[in-house]
């Protein structure tokens, strides 16, 4: 069992930055594909960014490419999401996700997630 706890959310003005972190416990995440998803009110949970177990491969949703960067620190059992140039449409609850069900593939689908964090709210004001 893996427990995931997000932190770093908050209220920021458009153009600002936030850094989300996800701390894992229960097991080491070195063999897990990890990712971030987000869900705005009335919308489905959507893929934001993913990183392979080694950290060597990443993918980001088109809507955040060039602005967000996913990273991981396996020694600290954490992953991070650096969010720059935030826009009001980035407002959502952001969820950390983990899976050991897809081998070396990137975690780009919510249907592949085995463990979810509780989420952290990000609000971007215009």
Protein backbone atom coordinates (compact mmCIF):
# COMPACT_ATOMS: atom_id res chain seq x y z
CA UNK A 1 0.00 0.00 0.00
CA UNK A 2 1.25 3.46 -0.92
CA UNK A 3 0.01 6.64 0.73
CA UNK A 4 0.42 9.89 -1.17
CA UNK A 5 0.18 13.34 0.40
CA UNK A 6 0.24 16.50 -1.72
CA UNK A 7 1.32 19.92 -0.54
CA UNK A 8 2.08 23.33 -1.99
CA UNK A 9 -1.28 24.38 -3.34
CA UNK A 10 -2.77 27.79 -2.72
CA UNK A 11 -4.00 31.04 -4.20
CA UNK A 12 -1.82 32.85 -6.71
CA UNK A 13 -2.30 35.63 -9.25
CA UNK A 14 -2.16 34.93 -12.96
CA UNK A 15 1.44 34.79 -14.13
CA UNK A 16 2.63 33.52 -10.77
CA UNK A 17 4.28 30.26 -9.75
CA UNK A 18 3.62 27.39 -7.41
CA UNK A 19 5.51 24.20 -6.64
CA UNK A 20 3.51 21.14 -5.69
CA UNK A 21 5.08 18.23 -3.86
CA UNK A 22 3.86 14.71 -3.28
CA UNK A 23 5.33 12.68 -0.44
CA UNK A 24 4.91 8.93 -0.59
CA UNK A 25 4.94 6.52 2.32
CA UNK A 26 4.30 2.86 2.83
CA UNK A 27 6.62 1.76 0.06
CA UNK A 28 9.47 3.24 -1.87
CA UNK A 29 8.28 4.67 -5.17
CA UNK A 30 11.41 3.94 -7.15
CA UNK A 31 9.60 1.29 -9.19
CA UNK A 32 6.38 3.26 -9.65
CA UNK A 33 5.28 5.38 -12.57
CA UNK A 34 4.03 8.64 -11.12
CA UNK A 35 1.93 11.51 -12.32
CA UNK A 36 -0.20 14.55 -11.64
CA UNK A 37 -3.83 14.96 -12.60
CA UNK A 38 -6.25 17.79 -11.99
CA UNK A 39 -9.98 18.22 -11.69
CA UNK A 40 -11.94 21.43 -11.99
CA UNK A 41 -15.58 21.65 -10.83
CA UNK A 42 -17.89 19.93 -13.29
CA UNK A 43 -15.03 18.40 -15.24
CA UNK A 44 -13.44 14.98 -15.39
CA UNK A 45 -10.06 14.38 -13.80
CA UNK A 46 -7.46 15.16 -16.45
CA UNK A 47 -3.86 14.24 -17.05
CA UNK A 48 -1.31 16.98 -16.33
CA UNK A 49 2.14 15.39 -16.23
CA UNK A 50 3.82 12.00 -15.87
CA UNK A 51 7.27 10.69 -15.07
CA UNK A 52 8.78 7.25 -15.42
CA UNK A 53 10.11 5.28 -12.46
CA UNK A 54 13.70 6.26 -13.28
CA UNK A 55 12.82 9.85 -14.01
CA UNK A 56 14.31 9.56 -17.47
CA UNK A 57 11.06 10.02 -19.36
CA UNK A 58 8.39 12.63 -18.85
CA UNK A 59 5.25 13.84 -20.59
CA UNK A 60 3.11 16.90 -20.09
CA UNK A 61 -0.36 17.76 -21.30
CA UNK A 62 -0.39 20.17 -24.22
CA UNK A 63 -2.16 22.77 -22.09
CA UNK A 64 0.78 22.97 -19.66
CA UNK A 65 3.79 22.26 -21.89
CA UNK A 66 6.47 24.90 -21.48
CA UNK A 67 4.95 26.08 -18.19
CA UNK A 68 4.87 23.03 -15.90
CA UNK A 69 7.68 20.59 -15.15
CA UNK A 70 7.40 17.27 -13.35
CA UNK A 71 10.37 15.83 -11.45
CA UNK A 72 11.06 13.16 -8.90
CA UNK A 73 13.48 12.53 -6.07
CA UNK A 74 13.42 8.81 -5.40
CA UNK A 75 15.83 9.13 -2.50
CA UNK A 76 13.26 11.36 -0.78
CA UNK A 77 10.27 9.34 -2.02
CA UNK A 78 8.75 12.46 -3.54
CA UNK A 79 7.67 13.92 -6.84
CA UNK A 80 7.20 17.58 -7.65
CA UNK A 81 5.34 19.76 -10.12
CA UNK A 82 6.82 23.17 -10.81
CA UNK A 83 4.08 25.40 -12.22
CA UNK A 84 5.09 28.69 -13.85
CA UNK A 85 3.10 31.31 -15.75
CA UNK A 86 -0.10 30.15 -14.13
CA UNK A 87 -3.40 30.96 -15.78
CA UNK A 88 -6.93 31.14 -14.34
CA UNK A 89 -7.81 28.01 -16.32
CA UNK A 90 -5.21 26.10 -14.28
CA UNK A 91 -7.51 26.42 -11.27
CA UNK A 92 -8.36 22.91 -10.05
CA UNK A 93 -7.69 20.32 -7.40
CA UNK A 94 -4.38 18.67 -8.23
CA UNK A 95 -3.88 14.99 -7.46
CA UNK A 96 -0.72 12.95 -7.19
CA UNK A 97 -0.97 9.46 -8.63
CA UNK A 98 1.08 6.28 -8.67
CA UNK A 99 0.93 2.92 -10.32
CA UNK A 100 3.00 -0.24 -10.65
CA UNK A 101 0.65 -1.77 -13.22
CA UNK A 102 2.05 -0.38 -16.48
CA UNK A 103 5.72 -1.27 -16.43
CA UNK A 104 7.86 1.44 -17.95
CA UNK A 105 4.94 3.25 -19.58
CA UNK A 106 4.09 6.78 -18.53
CA UNK A 107 1.06 7.32 -16.32
CA UNK A 108 -1.05 9.40 -18.69
CA UNK A 109 -4.46 7.86 -18.05
CA UNK A 110 -6.45 8.05 -14.84
CA UNK A 111 -7.65 4.50 -15.57
CA UNK A 112 -4.14 3.20 -14.89
CA UNK A 113 -3.81 4.80 -11.47
CA UNK A 114 -3.51 2.46 -8.53
CA UNK A 115 -3.00 5.05 -5.77
CA UNK A 116 -4.32 8.60 -5.45
CA UNK A 117 -3.44 11.38 -3.07
CA UNK A 118 -6.17 13.42 -1.39
CA UNK A 119 -5.58 16.44 -3.64
CA UNK A 120 -4.46 20.01 -3.13
CA UNK A 121 -6.36 23.08 -4.31
CA UNK A 122 -4.72 25.48 -6.75
CA UNK A 123 -6.57 28.72 -7.43
CA UNK A 124 -5.29 31.24 -9.97
CA UNK A 125 -6.92 34.67 -9.89
CA UNK A 126 -7.10 36.93 -12.91
